[in-house]
Amino acid sequence: MSFEPKLMGFMCNWCSYAGADLAGVSRYQYPPDIRIVKVMCSARVDPDIVLEMFIQGADGVFVGGCHIGDCHYIKGNYYAQQRMKVVKRLLGKCGFEPERLRLEWVSASEGERFARLMTEFTAQVSALGPSPVSGEQPDIKKLRLLFAAKSVVADVRVRALLGKYVEFSEKGNVFGRKLSEEDLDALLDSVMDDEFARINILLAASSKPISVKELAADLNLSATKVLQHIVTLKERDLMRLSRIEGVTPFYQTVQGVAAGGV
């Protein structure tokens, strides 16, 4: 049987959704696989929402906004651009193809372009095949990683950086120092990597006590880095020392944390 992808689309009210309307009025043909949700601005598409769509079994997500410089809310599409960049990176860490998420700019007068993009995106996702977490036998490991990714984008440091991204690059931080896009991306990547590692440590230690050495091997991290994360998690009351065998300590996630928080 041919694969018909389940696609979700988030379109800004002023441009891309109007472009979709024009495509319909003009009778431009495109595959009917995508389900569209209208939002007031592409900046309203939170990373949490996109990750939730993948958790629910979407094979691909399309986000459409105004062209750069034409946003009705001045800089909304700049924020959308950075947020979708973060989601793509997290999808890669979860074992998904980043191409399952696509961000494009479509104006209200570009009905033909909208139809072409829908056709291209449908073909792109169809070539990738079904999502590994959709269907009757989802990949549980990748599904848990998606939940971990949702916890990452909920982290206060990640949200603060995403919220201040444009301001830091244009006006600077509290000391007046402007940060380049490369500096901001590196800082954001570092924060996300740390939080993603901590969440996976909690998941790994949720079912049984585990040593630093075992965690380092499972997560492909240095023992020193794992121990630093464990110290942070203990300070947050999310992890505890379970027992010591010889000179080897074993740590375990505090009961209820992994199930409720991750």
Protein backbone atom coordinates (compact mmCIF):
# COMPACT_ATOMS: atom_id res chain seq x y z
CA MET A 1 0.00 0.00 0.00
CA SER A 2 1.18 3.55 -0.73
CA PHE A 3 2.18 5.63 2.27
CA GLU A 4 0.04 8.69 2.92
CA PRO A 5 1.87 10.88 5.45
CA LYS A 6 0.10 12.54 8.36
CA LEU A 7 1.16 16.19 8.18
CA MET A 8 0.43 19.16 10.42
CA GLY A 9 0.72 22.76 9.30
CA PHE A 10 0.83 25.96 11.35
CA MET A 11 0.23 29.07 9.24
CA CYS A 12 0.31 32.71 10.29
CA ASN A 13 -2.96 34.55 9.84
CA TRP A 14 -1.61 37.45 7.80
CA CYS A 15 0.53 35.80 5.15
CA SER A 16 0.87 32.03 4.83
CA TYR A 17 -2.75 31.25 5.77
CA ALA A 18 -3.90 33.92 3.32
CA GLY A 19 -1.62 32.29 0.76
CA ALA A 20 -3.36 28.98 1.44
CA ASP A 21 -6.72 30.68 0.89
CA LEU A 22 -5.50 32.09 -2.41
CA ALA A 23 -4.29 28.65 -3.49
CA GLY A 24 -7.79 27.31 -2.86
CA VAL A 25 -9.57 30.18 -4.62
CA SER A 26 -7.19 29.90 -7.57
CA ARG A 27 -7.71 26.11 -7.66
CA TYR A 28 -4.01 25.30 -7.44
CA GLN A 29 -3.67 21.58 -6.83
CA TYR A 30 -1.63 20.07 -3.98
CA PRO A 31 -1.84 16.85 -1.91
CA PRO A 32 -4.60 16.91 0.75
CA ASP A 33 -2.49 15.22 3.44
CA ILE A 34 -1.77 18.32 5.53
CA ARG A 35 -4.06 19.58 8.31
CA ILE A 36 -3.70 23.33 8.80
CA VAL A 37 -4.00 25.32 12.02
CA LYS A 38 -4.16 29.12 11.80
CA VAL A 39 -2.09 31.11 14.30
CA MET A 40 -1.80 34.89 14.58
CA CYS A 41 1.98 34.81 14.08
CA SER A 42 4.58 32.14 13.34
CA ALA A 43 6.22 33.16 16.63
CA ARG A 44 3.19 31.64 18.41
CA VAL A 45 4.26 28.17 17.27
CA ASP A 46 6.01 27.05 20.43
CA PRO A 47 8.67 24.31 20.20
CA ASP A 48 6.61 22.37 22.74
CA ILE A 49 3.65 22.27 20.34
CA VAL A 50 5.75 21.01 17.43
CA LEU A 51 7.30 18.25 19.54
CA GLU A 52 3.84 17.29 20.80
CA MET A 53 2.70 16.83 17.19
CA PHE A 54 5.51 14.34 16.64
CA ILE A 55 4.66 12.57 19.91
CA GLN A 56 1.07 12.24 18.68
CA GLY A 57 2.32 10.51 15.53
CA ALA A 58 2.65 13.24 12.92
CA ASP A 59 5.03 12.27 10.11
CA GLY A 60 5.92 15.89 9.40
CA VAL A 61 5.21 19.45 10.55
CA PHE A 62 5.18 22.53 8.33
CA VAL A 63 5.39 26.06 9.76
CA GLY A 64 4.59 29.01 7.51
CA GLY A 65 5.11 32.69 8.22
CA CYS A 66 5.57 36.11 6.63
CA HIS A 67 8.73 36.83 4.69
CA ILE A 68 11.61 38.20 6.77
CA GLY A 69 11.10 41.94 7.15
CA ASP A 70 7.34 41.74 6.46
CA CYS A 71 6.09 40.36 9.78
CA HIS A 72 2.96 42.16 11.03
CA TYR A 73 4.45 41.91 14.53
CA ILE A 74 7.80 43.27 13.33
CA LYS A 75 10.12 40.44 14.42
CA GLY A 76 7.85 37.46 15.03
CA ASN A 77 9.31 35.45 12.17
CA TYR A 78 12.85 35.99 13.53
CA TYR A 79 11.77 34.30 16.76
CA ALA A 80 10.05 31.53 14.80
CA GLN A 81 13.25 30.94 12.84
CA GLN A 82 15.32 30.43 15.99
CA ARG A 83 12.72 28.24 17.68
CA MET A 84 12.37 25.90 14.72
CA LYS A 85 16.16 25.69 14.52
CA VAL A 86 16.13 24.44 18.12
CA VAL A 87 13.40 21.88 17.36
CA LYS A 88 15.30 20.56 14.35
CA ARG A 89 18.40 20.05 16.47
CA LEU A 90 16.39 18.22 19.14
CA LEU A 91 14.71 16.02 16.53
CA GLY A 92 18.17 14.95 15.36
CA LYS A 93 19.15 14.08 18.94
CA CYS A 94 15.97 12.00 19.21
CA GLY A 95 16.83 9.97 16.11
CA PHE A 96 14.42 11.76 13.73
CA GLU A 97 15.25 13.27 10.37
CA PRO A 98 15.28 17.09 10.80
CA GLU A 99 13.68 17.27 7.33
CA ARG A 100 10.40 16.20 8.94
CA LEU A 101 10.11 19.82 10.10
CA ARG A 102 10.02 22.61 7.54
CA LEU A 103 9.81 26.38 7.98
CA GLU A 104 8.95 28.53 4.97
CA TRP A 105 7.88 32.11 4.26
CA VAL A 106 4.77 32.56 2.13
CA SER A 107 3.06 35.89 1.44
CA ALA A 108 -0.68 36.42 0.97
CA SER A 109 -0.15 36.78 -2.79
CA GLU A 110 1.83 33.54 -3.20
CA GLY A 111 -0.93 30.98 -3.59
CA GLU A 112 0.98 29.13 -6.31
CA ARG A 113 4.11 29.04 -4.13
CA PHE A 114 2.06 27.66 -1.23
CA ALA A 115 0.70 24.84 -3.38
CA ARG A 116 4.20 24.04 -4.66
CA LEU A 117 5.64 23.94 -1.13
CA MET A 118 2.87 21.62 0.06
CA THR A 119 3.56 19.30 -2.86
CA GLU A 120 7.31 19.34 -2.17
CA PHE A 121 6.92 18.79 1.57
CA THR A 122 4.48 15.92 1.10
CA ALA A 123 6.89 14.23 -1.32
CA GLN A 124 9.81 14.87 1.05
CA VAL A 125 8.09 13.26 4.04
CA SER A 126 6.71 10.43 1.90
CA ALA A 127 10.28 9.60 0.88
CA LEU A 128 11.33 9.50 4.55
CA GLY A 129 8.54 7.07 5.39
CA PRO A 130 6.32 6.85 8.48
CA SER A 131 7.41 8.40 11.76
CA PRO A 132 9.16 5.83 13.98
CA VAL A 133 6.69 6.57 16.79
CA SER A 134 3.49 6.30 14.73
CA GLY A 135 1.44 3.20 14.10
CA GLU A 136 0.63 0.25 16.35
CA GLN A 137 4.26 -0.50 17.30
CA PRO A 138 5.98 2.82 18.05
CA ASP A 139 9.67 2.99 18.85
CA ILE A 140 9.40 3.46 22.63
CA LYS A 141 12.99 4.66 23.01
CA LYS A 142 12.51 7.45 20.46
CA LEU A 143 9.14 8.32 21.97
CA ARG A 144 10.75 8.75 25.39
CA LEU A 145 13.44 10.90 23.80
CA LEU A 146 10.73 13.16 22.36
CA PHE A 147 9.32 13.59 25.86
CA ALA A 148 12.84 14.38 27.02
CA ALA A 149 13.11 17.00 24.25
CA LYS A 150 9.86 18.58 25.49
CA SER A 151 11.42 18.88 28.93
CA VAL A 152 14.45 20.56 27.37
CA VAL A 153 12.38 23.29 25.66
CA ALA A 154 10.51 23.81 28.94
CA ASP A 155 13.77 24.52 30.78
CA VAL A 156 13.86 28.08 32.09
CA ARG A 157 17.33 28.77 30.66
CA VAL A 158 16.39 27.56 27.18
CA ARG A 159 13.20 29.62 27.18
CA ALA A 160 15.02 32.69 28.45
CA LEU A 161 17.62 32.45 25.68
CA LEU A 162 14.99 31.93 23.00
CA GLY A 163 12.98 34.86 24.34
CA LYS A 164 15.99 37.18 24.38
CA TYR A 165 17.70 35.88 21.21
CA VAL A 166 16.87 38.86 18.99
CA GLU A 167 17.44 41.37 21.79
CA PHE A 168 20.87 39.96 22.64
CA SER A 169 21.97 40.11 18.99
CA GLU A 170 20.65 43.64 18.34
CA LYS A 171 20.84 45.49 21.67
CA GLY A 172 23.23 43.33 23.68
CA ASN A 173 23.07 41.80 27.14
CA VAL A 174 22.82 43.67 30.46
CA PHE A 175 26.45 44.72 30.02
CA GLY A 176 25.76 46.16 26.58
CA ARG A 177 27.72 43.46 24.77
CA LYS A 178 26.14 42.33 21.52
CA LEU A 179 26.35 38.62 20.83
CA SER A 180 26.77 37.23 17.33
CA GLU A 181 24.42 34.58 15.97
CA GLU A 182 27.26 32.07 16.25
CA ASP A 183 27.82 32.94 19.92
CA LEU A 184 24.12 32.70 20.72
CA ASP A 185 23.76 29.38 18.88
CA ALA A 186 26.78 27.97 20.74
CA LEU A 187 25.39 29.12 24.09
CA LEU A 188 21.95 27.71 23.33
CA ASP A 189 23.42 24.41 22.13
CA SER A 190 25.46 24.10 25.32
CA VAL A 191 22.41 24.70 27.52
CA MET A 192 20.29 22.23 25.52
CA ASP A 193 23.00 19.57 25.55
CA ASP A 194 23.31 19.84 29.33
CA GLU A 195 19.57 19.63 29.93
CA PHE A 196 19.10 16.80 27.43
CA ALA A 197 21.88 14.81 29.14
CA ARG A 198 20.35 15.38 32.59
CA ILE A 199 16.92 14.25 31.47
CA ASN A 200 18.39 11.11 29.93
CA ILE A 201 20.31 10.43 33.15
CA LEU A 202 17.01 10.62 35.03
CA LEU A 203 15.42 8.23 32.55
CA ALA A 204 18.31 5.77 32.72
CA ALA A 205 18.28 5.78 36.53
CA SER A 206 14.51 5.61 36.90
CA SER A 207 14.15 1.83 36.81
CA LYS A 208 17.22 0.82 38.83
CA PRO A 209 20.28 2.34 40.55
CA ILE A 210 23.11 2.95 38.12
CA SER A 211 26.77 3.94 38.39
CA VAL A 212 28.53 6.89 36.82
CA LYS A 213 30.57 4.53 34.64
CA GLU A 214 27.44 2.85 33.28
CA LEU A 215 25.78 6.19 32.60
CA ALA A 216 28.87 7.49 30.82
CA ALA A 217 28.90 4.44 28.54
CA ASP A 218 25.15 4.58 27.85
CA LEU A 219 25.09 8.31 27.09
CA ASN A 220 28.50 8.56 25.40
CA LEU A 221 29.68 11.19 27.88
CA SER A 222 32.77 11.46 30.03
CA ALA A 223 32.48 10.23 33.62
CA THR A 224 33.44 13.72 34.80
CA LYS A 225 30.57 15.29 32.85
CA VAL A 226 28.09 12.71 34.10
CA LEU A 227 29.14 13.34 37.70
CA GLN A 228 28.69 17.10 37.21
CA HIS A 229 25.16 16.50 35.95
CA ILE A 230 24.39 14.20 38.87
CA VAL A 231 25.53 16.89 41.33
CA THR A 232 23.15 19.36 39.65
CA LEU A 233 20.29 16.85 39.72
CA LYS A 234 20.88 16.12 43.40
CA GLU A 235 20.80 19.86 44.13
CA ARG A 236 17.42 19.97 42.38
CA ASP A 237 16.22 17.01 44.52
CA LEU A 238 15.72 14.92 41.38
CA MET A 239 18.34 12.24 42.08
CA ARG A 240 19.67 10.51 45.17
CA LEU A 241 22.49 8.21 46.19
CA SER A 242 21.02 4.71 46.37
CA ARG A 243 23.92 2.62 47.64
CA ILE A 244 27.68 2.12 47.52
CA GLU A 245 29.25 -1.14 46.41
CA GLY A 246 32.94 -1.19 47.35
CA VAL A 247 34.04 2.26 46.18
CA THR A 248 31.37 2.61 43.47
CA PRO A 249 28.31 4.77 44.23
CA PHE A 250 25.00 3.97 42.54
CA TYR A 251 22.46 6.69 41.89
CA GLN A 252 18.73 6.55 41.27
CA THR A 253 16.07 8.98 40.15
CA VAL A 254 13.82 10.18 42.96
CA GLN A 255 10.56 8.24 42.80
CA GLY A 256 7.95 9.83 40.56
CA VAL A 257 10.31 12.27 38.84
CA ALA A 258 10.84 10.38 35.57
CA ALA A 259 7.18 9.47 35.20
CA GLY A 260 5.85 12.88 36.14
CA GLY A 261 8.54 15.19 34.85
CA VAL A 262 9.81 13.40 31.77
